[in-house]
Each structure stands twice: as structure tokens, then as C-alpha cells.
N, C-alpha and C. Protein backbone atom coordinates (compact mmCIF):
# COMPACT_ATOMS: atom_id res chain seq x y z
N LEU A 1 90.54 121.28 109.58
CA LEU A 1 89.77 121.02 110.78
C LEU A 1 89.48 122.32 111.53
N GLU A 2 90.46 123.23 111.52
CA GLU A 2 90.27 124.50 112.23
C GLU A 2 89.13 125.30 111.62
N GLN A 3 88.95 125.20 110.30
CA GLN A 3 87.89 125.95 109.62
C GLN A 3 86.49 125.42 109.94
N TRP A 4 86.40 124.18 110.36
CA TRP A 4 85.11 123.53 110.56
C TRP A 4 85.02 122.91 111.95
N PRO A 5 85.05 123.73 113.02
CA PRO A 5 85.06 123.18 114.38
C PRO A 5 83.80 122.40 114.75
N SER A 6 82.70 122.64 114.08
CA SER A 6 81.47 121.93 114.42
C SER A 6 81.31 120.60 113.66
N VAL A 7 82.24 120.32 112.75
CA VAL A 7 82.17 119.07 111.99
C VAL A 7 82.91 117.99 112.76
N ASP A 8 82.22 116.90 113.05
CA ASP A 8 82.79 115.76 113.76
C ASP A 8 83.55 114.88 112.77
N VAL A 9 84.81 114.59 113.06
CA VAL A 9 85.62 113.77 112.17
C VAL A 9 85.93 112.45 112.86
N ASP A 10 85.56 111.36 112.22
CA ASP A 10 85.88 110.01 112.67
C ASP A 10 86.57 109.29 111.53
N VAL A 11 87.56 108.48 111.86
CA VAL A 11 88.18 107.60 110.87
C VAL A 11 87.76 106.19 111.24
N LYS A 12 87.03 105.56 110.34
CA LYS A 12 86.46 104.24 110.64
C LYS A 12 87.09 103.17 109.76
N GLN A 13 87.92 102.35 110.39
CA GLN A 13 88.56 101.29 109.63
C GLN A 13 87.65 100.07 109.45
N LYS A 14 86.58 100.00 110.21
CA LYS A 14 85.72 98.83 110.06
C LYS A 14 85.08 98.77 108.67
N PHE A 15 85.09 99.88 107.95
CA PHE A 15 84.55 99.89 106.58
C PHE A 15 85.66 99.85 105.53
N GLN A 16 86.87 99.50 105.98
CA GLN A 16 88.04 99.49 105.11
C GLN A 16 87.82 98.65 103.86
N PHE A 17 87.08 97.57 103.98
CA PHE A 17 86.89 96.68 102.83
C PHE A 17 85.44 96.63 102.37
N GLY A 18 84.60 97.51 102.88
CA GLY A 18 83.20 97.57 102.47
C GLY A 18 82.71 99.00 102.40
N GLY A 19 83.55 99.86 101.85
CA GLY A 19 83.27 101.29 101.84
C GLY A 19 82.08 101.73 101.03
N ILE A 20 81.82 101.08 99.90
CA ILE A 20 80.71 101.48 99.04
C ILE A 20 79.38 101.34 99.79
N GLY A 21 79.19 100.21 100.43
CA GLY A 21 77.97 100.00 101.22
C GLY A 21 77.86 100.99 102.36
N ALA A 22 79.00 101.32 102.97
CA ALA A 22 79.00 102.28 104.07
C ALA A 22 78.62 103.68 103.59
N LEU A 23 79.03 104.04 102.37
CA LEU A 23 78.63 105.33 101.80
C LEU A 23 77.12 105.36 101.57
N PHE A 24 76.62 104.33 100.89
CA PHE A 24 75.18 104.27 100.63
C PHE A 24 74.36 104.20 101.91
N GLY A 25 74.90 103.52 102.93
CA GLY A 25 74.19 103.39 104.19
C GLY A 25 74.35 104.56 105.13
N HIS A 26 75.07 105.60 104.69
CA HIS A 26 75.31 106.80 105.49
C HIS A 26 76.10 106.51 106.77
N ASP A 27 76.86 105.42 106.77
CA ASP A 27 77.75 105.14 107.89
C ASP A 27 78.99 106.01 107.80
N ILE A 28 79.36 106.39 106.57
CA ILE A 28 80.49 107.29 106.33
C ILE A 28 80.04 108.32 105.30
N ASP A 29 80.73 109.45 105.28
CA ASP A 29 80.42 110.50 104.30
C ASP A 29 81.44 110.55 103.17
N MET A 30 82.63 109.99 103.41
CA MET A 30 83.67 110.05 102.40
C MET A 30 84.49 108.76 102.49
N LEU A 31 84.88 108.27 101.32
CA LEU A 31 85.67 107.04 101.22
C LEU A 31 87.00 107.35 100.55
N VAL A 32 88.09 106.92 101.18
CA VAL A 32 89.43 107.05 100.60
C VAL A 32 89.78 105.69 100.00
N THR A 33 90.06 105.67 98.69
CA THR A 33 90.30 104.38 98.02
C THR A 33 91.20 104.52 96.80
N PRO A 34 92.01 103.49 96.52
CA PRO A 34 92.75 103.48 95.27
C PRO A 34 91.95 102.85 94.13
N ASP A 35 90.83 102.23 94.49
CA ASP A 35 90.04 101.47 93.51
C ASP A 35 88.57 101.87 93.56
N PRO A 36 88.23 102.98 92.92
CA PRO A 36 86.82 103.41 92.96
C PRO A 36 85.92 102.43 92.23
N LEU A 37 84.82 102.09 92.86
CA LEU A 37 83.79 101.26 92.21
C LEU A 37 82.66 102.23 91.86
N HIS A 38 82.62 102.62 90.62
CA HIS A 38 81.65 103.62 90.19
C HIS A 38 80.24 103.05 90.20
N ARG A 39 79.37 103.71 90.96
CA ARG A 39 77.97 103.31 91.10
C ARG A 39 77.11 104.55 90.94
N PRO A 40 75.90 104.40 90.40
CA PRO A 40 75.00 105.56 90.33
C PRO A 40 74.81 106.14 91.74
N GLY A 41 74.89 107.44 91.84
CA GLY A 41 74.70 108.12 93.12
C GLY A 41 76.01 108.43 93.85
N LEU A 42 77.13 107.94 93.31
CA LEU A 42 78.43 108.19 93.94
C LEU A 42 79.34 108.90 92.94
N VAL A 43 80.22 109.74 93.46
CA VAL A 43 81.25 110.38 92.63
C VAL A 43 82.61 110.16 93.29
N PHE A 44 83.60 109.92 92.45
CA PHE A 44 84.97 109.72 92.91
C PHE A 44 85.85 110.73 92.21
N GLU A 45 86.73 111.37 92.98
CA GLU A 45 87.65 112.34 92.41
C GLU A 45 89.07 111.96 92.79
N PRO A 46 90.00 111.96 91.83
CA PRO A 46 91.40 111.66 92.16
C PRO A 46 91.99 112.81 92.96
N VAL A 47 92.76 112.48 94.00
CA VAL A 47 93.37 113.53 94.81
C VAL A 47 94.90 113.50 94.79
N PHE A 48 95.51 112.33 94.61
CA PHE A 48 96.95 112.30 94.42
C PHE A 48 97.40 111.00 93.77
N ASP A 49 98.57 111.09 93.14
CA ASP A 49 99.18 109.96 92.45
C ASP A 49 100.20 109.28 93.36
N TYR A 50 100.41 108.00 93.12
CA TYR A 50 101.45 107.28 93.84
C TYR A 50 101.88 106.08 93.00
N GLU A 51 102.94 105.42 93.43
CA GLU A 51 103.42 104.22 92.77
C GLU A 51 103.21 103.03 93.69
N GLN A 52 102.60 101.98 93.18
CA GLN A 52 102.46 100.71 93.91
C GLN A 52 103.78 99.95 93.74
N VAL A 53 104.37 99.49 94.84
CA VAL A 53 105.65 98.78 94.79
C VAL A 53 105.56 97.49 95.58
N LEU A 54 106.52 96.63 95.34
CA LEU A 54 106.67 95.43 96.16
C LEU A 54 107.45 95.85 97.39
N VAL A 55 107.03 95.40 98.56
CA VAL A 55 107.78 95.68 99.78
C VAL A 55 108.36 94.36 100.28
N VAL A 56 109.67 94.39 100.52
CA VAL A 56 110.39 93.20 100.96
C VAL A 56 111.27 93.57 102.15
N ALA A 57 111.69 92.57 102.91
CA ALA A 57 112.63 92.80 104.00
C ALA A 57 113.96 93.28 103.40
N ALA A 58 114.68 94.09 104.15
CA ALA A 58 115.94 94.65 103.65
C ALA A 58 116.95 93.58 103.28
N ASN A 59 116.85 92.40 103.88
CA ASN A 59 117.79 91.31 103.58
C ASN A 59 117.19 90.27 102.61
N HIS A 60 116.06 90.58 102.00
CA HIS A 60 115.39 89.66 101.07
C HIS A 60 116.17 89.59 99.76
N ARG A 61 116.08 88.47 99.06
CA ARG A 61 116.81 88.27 97.79
C ARG A 61 116.44 89.29 96.73
N LEU A 62 115.24 89.90 96.81
CA LEU A 62 114.82 90.89 95.82
C LEU A 62 115.16 92.33 96.21
N ALA A 63 115.67 92.53 97.42
CA ALA A 63 115.91 93.88 97.94
C ALA A 63 116.83 94.73 97.07
N GLY A 64 117.76 94.13 96.41
CA GLY A 64 118.70 94.90 95.59
C GLY A 64 118.30 95.06 94.13
N LYS A 65 117.21 94.43 93.74
CA LYS A 65 116.80 94.50 92.34
C LYS A 65 116.18 95.86 91.99
N ARG A 66 116.36 96.29 90.74
CA ARG A 66 115.76 97.55 90.29
C ARG A 66 114.25 97.40 90.16
N TRP A 67 113.80 96.20 89.72
CA TRP A 67 112.37 95.91 89.65
C TRP A 67 112.16 94.41 89.79
N ALA A 68 110.94 94.05 90.18
CA ALA A 68 110.56 92.65 90.32
C ALA A 68 109.68 92.26 89.15
N GLU A 69 109.93 91.09 88.61
CA GLU A 69 109.10 90.55 87.54
C GLU A 69 108.15 89.51 88.13
N ALA A 70 107.16 89.10 87.38
CA ALA A 70 106.19 88.12 87.84
C ALA A 70 106.88 86.86 88.34
N ALA A 71 107.87 86.39 87.61
CA ALA A 71 108.57 85.15 87.98
C ALA A 71 109.25 85.27 89.35
N ASP A 72 109.64 86.50 89.73
CA ASP A 72 110.27 86.72 91.04
C ASP A 72 109.30 86.43 92.19
N LEU A 73 108.00 86.54 91.92
CA LEU A 73 107.01 86.34 92.97
C LEU A 73 106.53 84.90 93.06
N GLU A 74 106.85 84.07 92.08
CA GLU A 74 106.38 82.68 92.06
C GLU A 74 106.75 81.89 93.33
N PRO A 75 107.96 82.00 93.87
CA PRO A 75 108.29 81.22 95.07
C PRO A 75 107.87 81.91 96.38
N GLU A 76 107.23 83.05 96.29
CA GLU A 76 106.96 83.88 97.48
C GLU A 76 105.59 83.65 98.11
N THR A 77 105.49 84.05 99.37
CA THR A 77 104.21 84.23 100.04
C THR A 77 103.84 85.68 99.82
N LEU A 78 102.76 85.92 99.10
CA LEU A 78 102.31 87.28 98.83
C LEU A 78 101.23 87.64 99.84
N ILE A 79 101.47 88.69 100.60
CA ILE A 79 100.54 89.15 101.62
C ILE A 79 99.76 90.32 101.04
N THR A 80 98.43 90.23 101.11
CA THR A 80 97.57 91.31 100.60
C THR A 80 96.47 91.59 101.61
N TYR A 81 95.73 92.65 101.33
CA TYR A 81 94.51 92.92 102.08
C TYR A 81 93.46 91.89 101.65
N PRO A 82 92.46 91.65 102.48
CA PRO A 82 91.44 90.65 102.13
C PRO A 82 90.38 91.21 101.18
N VAL A 83 90.79 91.41 99.93
CA VAL A 83 89.86 91.83 98.88
C VAL A 83 89.98 90.83 97.73
N ALA A 84 89.02 90.85 96.84
CA ALA A 84 89.03 89.92 95.71
C ALA A 84 90.31 90.09 94.90
N ILE A 85 90.86 88.99 94.44
CA ILE A 85 92.09 89.03 93.64
C ILE A 85 91.94 89.96 92.45
N GLU A 86 90.74 90.02 91.88
CA GLU A 86 90.48 90.89 90.71
C GLU A 86 90.72 92.36 91.02
N ARG A 87 90.73 92.72 92.30
CA ARG A 87 90.92 94.12 92.69
C ARG A 87 92.36 94.41 93.11
N LEU A 88 93.23 93.42 93.06
CA LEU A 88 94.61 93.60 93.50
C LEU A 88 95.53 93.89 92.31
N ASP A 89 96.16 95.05 92.34
CA ASP A 89 97.00 95.49 91.23
C ASP A 89 98.16 94.56 90.94
N VAL A 90 98.77 93.99 91.97
CA VAL A 90 99.90 93.10 91.76
C VAL A 90 99.48 91.89 90.91
N PHE A 91 98.24 91.47 91.06
CA PHE A 91 97.74 90.38 90.20
C PHE A 91 97.40 90.92 88.82
N ASN A 92 96.60 92.00 88.77
CA ASN A 92 96.11 92.54 87.50
C ASN A 92 97.22 93.02 86.56
N TYR A 93 98.22 93.66 87.09
CA TYR A 93 99.25 94.28 86.24
C TYR A 93 100.52 93.45 86.11
N LEU A 94 100.72 92.48 86.98
CA LEU A 94 101.98 91.74 86.94
C LEU A 94 101.78 90.24 86.80
N LEU A 95 101.08 89.62 87.74
CA LEU A 95 100.98 88.16 87.76
C LEU A 95 100.06 87.59 86.70
N VAL A 96 98.83 88.09 86.60
CA VAL A 96 97.87 87.54 85.63
C VAL A 96 98.37 87.66 84.19
N PRO A 97 98.89 88.81 83.75
CA PRO A 97 99.38 88.89 82.37
C PRO A 97 100.50 87.88 82.08
N ALA A 98 101.26 87.50 83.10
CA ALA A 98 102.36 86.54 82.92
C ALA A 98 101.88 85.10 83.19
N ASN A 99 100.58 84.96 83.51
CA ASN A 99 100.00 83.65 83.83
C ASN A 99 100.76 82.96 84.98
N MET A 100 101.05 83.74 86.03
CA MET A 100 101.78 83.22 87.18
C MET A 100 101.03 83.54 88.46
N ARG A 101 101.38 82.78 89.50
CA ARG A 101 100.80 82.98 90.82
C ARG A 101 101.93 82.84 91.85
N PRO A 102 101.77 83.47 93.00
CA PRO A 102 102.76 83.24 94.05
C PRO A 102 102.58 81.84 94.64
N ALA A 103 103.60 81.33 95.31
CA ALA A 103 103.50 80.01 95.94
C ALA A 103 102.38 79.99 96.97
N ARG A 104 102.20 81.12 97.66
CA ARG A 104 101.18 81.20 98.70
C ARG A 104 100.61 82.62 98.71
N HIS A 105 99.31 82.73 98.97
CA HIS A 105 98.65 84.03 99.08
C HIS A 105 98.01 84.10 100.46
N LYS A 106 98.46 85.05 101.26
CA LYS A 106 97.95 85.21 102.63
C LYS A 106 97.32 86.59 102.75
N THR A 107 96.18 86.68 103.42
CA THR A 107 95.55 87.99 103.61
C THR A 107 95.68 88.45 105.06
N ILE A 108 95.92 89.73 105.21
CA ILE A 108 96.03 90.38 106.51
C ILE A 108 95.29 91.71 106.41
N GLU A 109 94.50 92.04 107.43
CA GLU A 109 93.65 93.23 107.37
C GLU A 109 94.37 94.53 107.67
N THR A 110 95.43 94.49 108.46
CA THR A 110 96.06 95.76 108.86
C THR A 110 97.44 95.95 108.24
N THR A 111 97.71 97.17 107.86
CA THR A 111 98.98 97.50 107.23
C THR A 111 100.14 97.25 108.18
N ASP A 112 99.99 97.62 109.45
CA ASP A 112 101.08 97.45 110.41
C ASP A 112 101.50 95.99 110.54
N ILE A 113 100.52 95.10 110.67
CA ILE A 113 100.84 93.67 110.80
C ILE A 113 101.44 93.15 109.50
N MET A 114 100.89 93.59 108.38
CA MET A 114 101.42 93.18 107.08
C MET A 114 102.91 93.54 106.98
N LEU A 115 103.24 94.76 107.34
CA LEU A 115 104.64 95.20 107.26
C LEU A 115 105.53 94.48 108.27
N GLN A 116 104.99 94.16 109.44
CA GLN A 116 105.75 93.38 110.43
C GLN A 116 106.09 91.99 109.88
N MET A 117 105.12 91.38 109.21
CA MET A 117 105.33 90.05 108.60
C MET A 117 106.39 90.13 107.50
N VAL A 118 106.32 91.16 106.68
CA VAL A 118 107.32 91.34 105.62
C VAL A 118 108.70 91.54 106.25
N ALA A 119 108.79 92.40 107.25
CA ALA A 119 110.07 92.67 107.91
C ALA A 119 110.66 91.40 108.53
N ALA A 120 109.79 90.51 108.99
CA ALA A 120 110.24 89.26 109.61
C ALA A 120 110.57 88.18 108.57
N GLY A 121 110.46 88.53 107.30
CA GLY A 121 110.78 87.57 106.24
C GLY A 121 109.70 86.53 105.99
N ARG A 122 108.47 86.83 106.42
CA ARG A 122 107.37 85.87 106.27
C ARG A 122 106.58 86.05 104.98
N GLY A 123 107.01 86.97 104.12
CA GLY A 123 106.33 87.19 102.86
C GLY A 123 106.71 88.54 102.27
N VAL A 124 106.07 88.86 101.16
CA VAL A 124 106.24 90.15 100.49
C VAL A 124 104.85 90.73 100.29
N ALA A 125 104.77 92.03 100.04
CA ALA A 125 103.47 92.67 99.86
C ALA A 125 103.60 93.76 98.79
N ALA A 126 102.47 94.24 98.31
CA ALA A 126 102.44 95.35 97.36
C ALA A 126 101.69 96.51 98.02
N LEU A 127 102.39 97.63 98.18
CA LEU A 127 101.86 98.80 98.87
C LEU A 127 102.35 100.07 98.19
N PRO A 128 101.78 101.21 98.56
CA PRO A 128 102.27 102.48 98.00
C PRO A 128 103.71 102.77 98.42
N ARG A 129 104.49 103.30 97.49
CA ARG A 129 105.90 103.63 97.77
C ARG A 129 106.01 104.57 98.98
N TRP A 130 105.14 105.60 99.04
CA TRP A 130 105.25 106.56 100.14
C TRP A 130 105.06 105.88 101.50
N LEU A 131 104.21 104.86 101.55
CA LEU A 131 103.96 104.14 102.80
C LEU A 131 105.17 103.30 103.18
N VAL A 132 105.74 102.61 102.20
CA VAL A 132 106.92 101.79 102.45
C VAL A 132 108.07 102.67 102.93
N GLN A 133 108.25 103.83 102.32
CA GLN A 133 109.33 104.73 102.72
C GLN A 133 109.14 105.24 104.15
N GLU A 134 107.90 105.41 104.54
CA GLU A 134 107.61 105.82 105.93
C GLU A 134 108.10 104.79 106.94
N TYR A 135 107.97 103.52 106.60
CA TYR A 135 108.31 102.44 107.52
C TYR A 135 109.70 101.86 107.31
N SER A 136 110.39 102.23 106.23
CA SER A 136 111.62 101.53 105.85
C SER A 136 112.70 101.56 106.91
N ASP A 137 113.01 102.70 107.48
CA ASP A 137 114.06 102.76 108.50
C ASP A 137 113.66 102.05 109.79
N ARG A 138 112.44 102.23 110.20
CA ARG A 138 111.96 101.66 111.45
C ARG A 138 111.86 100.15 111.42
N LEU A 139 111.42 99.59 110.28
CA LEU A 139 111.17 98.15 110.21
C LEU A 139 112.19 97.38 109.37
N GLY A 140 113.01 98.05 108.63
CA GLY A 140 113.95 97.33 107.77
C GLY A 140 113.29 96.70 106.58
N VAL A 141 112.39 97.46 105.93
CA VAL A 141 111.75 97.01 104.69
C VAL A 141 112.14 97.99 103.58
N VAL A 142 112.13 97.49 102.34
CA VAL A 142 112.51 98.34 101.21
C VAL A 142 111.52 98.15 100.06
N PRO A 143 111.35 99.21 99.25
CA PRO A 143 110.48 99.09 98.08
C PRO A 143 111.24 98.58 96.86
N VAL A 144 110.56 97.81 96.04
CA VAL A 144 111.10 97.34 94.77
C VAL A 144 110.03 97.60 93.72
N LYS A 145 110.41 98.24 92.63
CA LYS A 145 109.45 98.56 91.56
C LYS A 145 108.79 97.26 91.07
N LEU A 146 107.50 97.32 90.79
CA LEU A 146 106.75 96.18 90.26
C LEU A 146 106.75 96.25 88.74
N GLY A 147 107.55 95.40 88.11
CA GLY A 147 107.68 95.45 86.66
C GLY A 147 108.62 96.56 86.24
N LYS A 148 109.13 96.47 85.04
CA LYS A 148 110.11 97.44 84.55
C LYS A 148 109.56 98.86 84.54
N GLU A 149 108.27 99.00 84.19
CA GLU A 149 107.65 100.33 84.09
C GLU A 149 107.02 100.78 85.40
N GLY A 150 106.85 99.88 86.36
CA GLY A 150 106.19 100.22 87.61
C GLY A 150 104.68 100.22 87.46
N ILE A 151 103.99 100.44 88.56
CA ILE A 151 102.53 100.50 88.56
C ILE A 151 102.12 101.86 89.13
N ALA A 152 101.64 102.73 88.25
CA ALA A 152 101.18 104.06 88.67
C ALA A 152 99.74 103.98 89.11
N LYS A 153 99.42 104.60 90.23
CA LYS A 153 98.07 104.55 90.79
C LYS A 153 97.64 105.95 91.24
N GLN A 154 96.38 106.05 91.64
CA GLN A 154 95.85 107.28 92.21
C GLN A 154 94.99 106.95 93.42
N ILE A 155 94.96 107.87 94.37
CA ILE A 155 94.03 107.78 95.49
C ILE A 155 92.83 108.64 95.13
N PHE A 156 91.64 108.10 95.37
CA PHE A 156 90.39 108.80 95.10
C PHE A 156 89.64 109.03 96.40
N LEU A 157 88.89 110.11 96.43
CA LEU A 157 87.93 110.34 97.50
C LEU A 157 86.55 110.17 96.88
N GLY A 158 85.74 109.33 97.50
CA GLY A 158 84.40 109.09 97.02
C GLY A 158 83.38 109.63 97.99
N ARG A 159 82.27 110.11 97.44
CA ARG A 159 81.16 110.59 98.27
C ARG A 159 79.87 110.47 97.48
N ARG A 160 78.78 110.67 98.19
CA ARG A 160 77.47 110.63 97.53
C ARG A 160 77.31 111.85 96.63
N GLU A 161 76.69 111.65 95.47
CA GLU A 161 76.48 112.76 94.52
C GLU A 161 75.81 113.95 95.17
N ARG A 162 74.82 113.67 96.01
CA ARG A 162 74.07 114.77 96.62
C ARG A 162 74.89 115.58 97.63
N ASP A 163 76.08 115.06 98.00
CA ASP A 163 76.95 115.79 98.92
C ASP A 163 77.96 116.69 98.22
N VAL A 164 78.00 116.64 96.90
CA VAL A 164 78.87 117.55 96.15
C VAL A 164 78.36 118.97 96.39
N GLY A 165 79.25 119.86 96.78
CA GLY A 165 78.84 121.23 97.10
C GLY A 165 78.72 121.48 98.59
N VAL A 166 78.75 120.43 99.42
CA VAL A 166 78.77 120.62 100.86
C VAL A 166 80.14 121.21 101.20
N GLN A 167 80.15 122.39 101.79
CA GLN A 167 81.39 123.17 101.93
C GLN A 167 82.52 122.44 102.66
N TYR A 168 82.24 121.81 103.79
CA TYR A 168 83.34 121.18 104.51
C TYR A 168 83.92 120.00 103.72
N MET A 169 83.07 119.30 102.96
CA MET A 169 83.57 118.19 102.14
C MET A 169 84.39 118.73 100.97
N ASP A 170 83.91 119.78 100.34
CA ASP A 170 84.67 120.40 99.25
C ASP A 170 86.03 120.89 99.74
N SER A 171 86.07 121.47 100.95
CA SER A 171 87.33 121.95 101.52
C SER A 171 88.29 120.79 101.77
N PHE A 172 87.75 119.68 102.27
CA PHE A 172 88.58 118.51 102.51
C PHE A 172 89.16 117.97 101.20
N MET A 173 88.34 117.94 100.16
CA MET A 173 88.80 117.48 98.84
C MET A 173 89.92 118.37 98.33
N LYS A 174 89.75 119.67 98.49
CA LYS A 174 90.77 120.63 98.03
C LYS A 174 92.07 120.42 98.80
N LEU A 175 91.97 120.28 100.10
CA LEU A 175 93.15 120.05 100.94
C LEU A 175 93.86 118.75 100.53
N ALA A 176 93.11 117.69 100.30
CA ALA A 176 93.69 116.40 99.91
C ALA A 176 94.45 116.51 98.59
N ARG A 177 93.95 117.31 97.67
CA ARG A 177 94.63 117.49 96.38
C ARG A 177 95.91 118.30 96.54
N GLU A 178 95.98 119.17 97.54
CA GLU A 178 97.14 120.05 97.73
C GLU A 178 98.28 119.38 98.48
N VAL A 179 98.01 118.31 99.20
CA VAL A 179 99.05 117.62 99.97
C VAL A 179 100.04 116.99 99.01
N ARG A 180 101.32 117.14 99.28
CA ARG A 180 102.35 116.56 98.43
C ARG A 180 102.98 115.37 99.17
N TRP A 181 102.70 114.19 98.69
CA TRP A 181 103.27 112.97 99.27
C TRP A 181 104.62 112.74 98.65
N ARG A 182 105.51 112.10 99.40
CA ARG A 182 106.88 111.84 98.91
C ARG A 182 106.90 111.11 97.63
């Protein structure tokens, strides 16, 4: 930010679930996403790796397990962001291959509320390990590996093809790749 004092930076959560349209509509210049939807005119570059984990309350029956299997989620309320099930890793990599579903699926738009619900024992969620670790002491939530092998993911930054080479965007991409998350 210090290098680019004339560049206005806004973080817009209203496009959290409709980022592709916002990029094309010039409402945003860059999209941060774990699930790039490749479209002509857009480019996505991976900037860091992370592990998707199940987050449960510290006193939850799964809190002490080394990993959660699909059957462990069958009696649970699974809390997710309001996106299509086909885009949710916990379904794609764990539940669908085992032909299982949670007892209940609830959607919540904000991470803070989602984690509050998990901490209160109102459900479980699938989130990045680094995010769960950030909240674990404060809220009493813990990460549990999803499946024996876990779910490895990446965060991507997406932008319009014609913006590749714009210096402040290139600098931001470089900085994002250099950050070391826990």
C-alpha cells in the first residue's frame, strides 16, 4: 500500500458470492477465491496453499479425532457459505464419494457468525485450517482433518486478462504469494 498511495483499496464483501460477475462488470478489479471459475477474459493465479478442515466446538464428539470421515458428518448440521453444493469441497471430496449427506445443511453468509454457531454447538463447518487456528483460542473451536488424507486447497487471485501487467496489481499478486500463512 505504501508503494501505491494513489491507488484506492476497498474490500467489498457484497460480491463474496458473485465475484465473477463483479469482475466482468468492473465493480472489482481483483477476486480472492479458492474456487476459480475459468472464463474467457479472466486469469486466475494461485497465491498460497492451505488445508480445508472440519471445524467443531472444542467439546464436540469429533474434537479429539485425528480425522473425520463422511459417516461422522451424517448426524450433523453442516454449516456452509450460500454457494451451490457442487462448489463445496466437503461435499465433493468427502460426502458425495461416500454417497452420504449431513442430517441438516444450513447456510450462513459470514465467517464470524458461522464460527459462533459452531462454537455454540449448533453445527460443524469446513474452513481453512489457518482461519480455524486464528479463532480457536478465542471461540473454543478446533480443526479436524477432513478424511484420512485431508483436503489440500489453494487460494487464487483472479483479474481481467487486460489488467495483467498493471503494476499495482502485479505488486499485489507478488506480495500475496510471499505471505506465509500458518
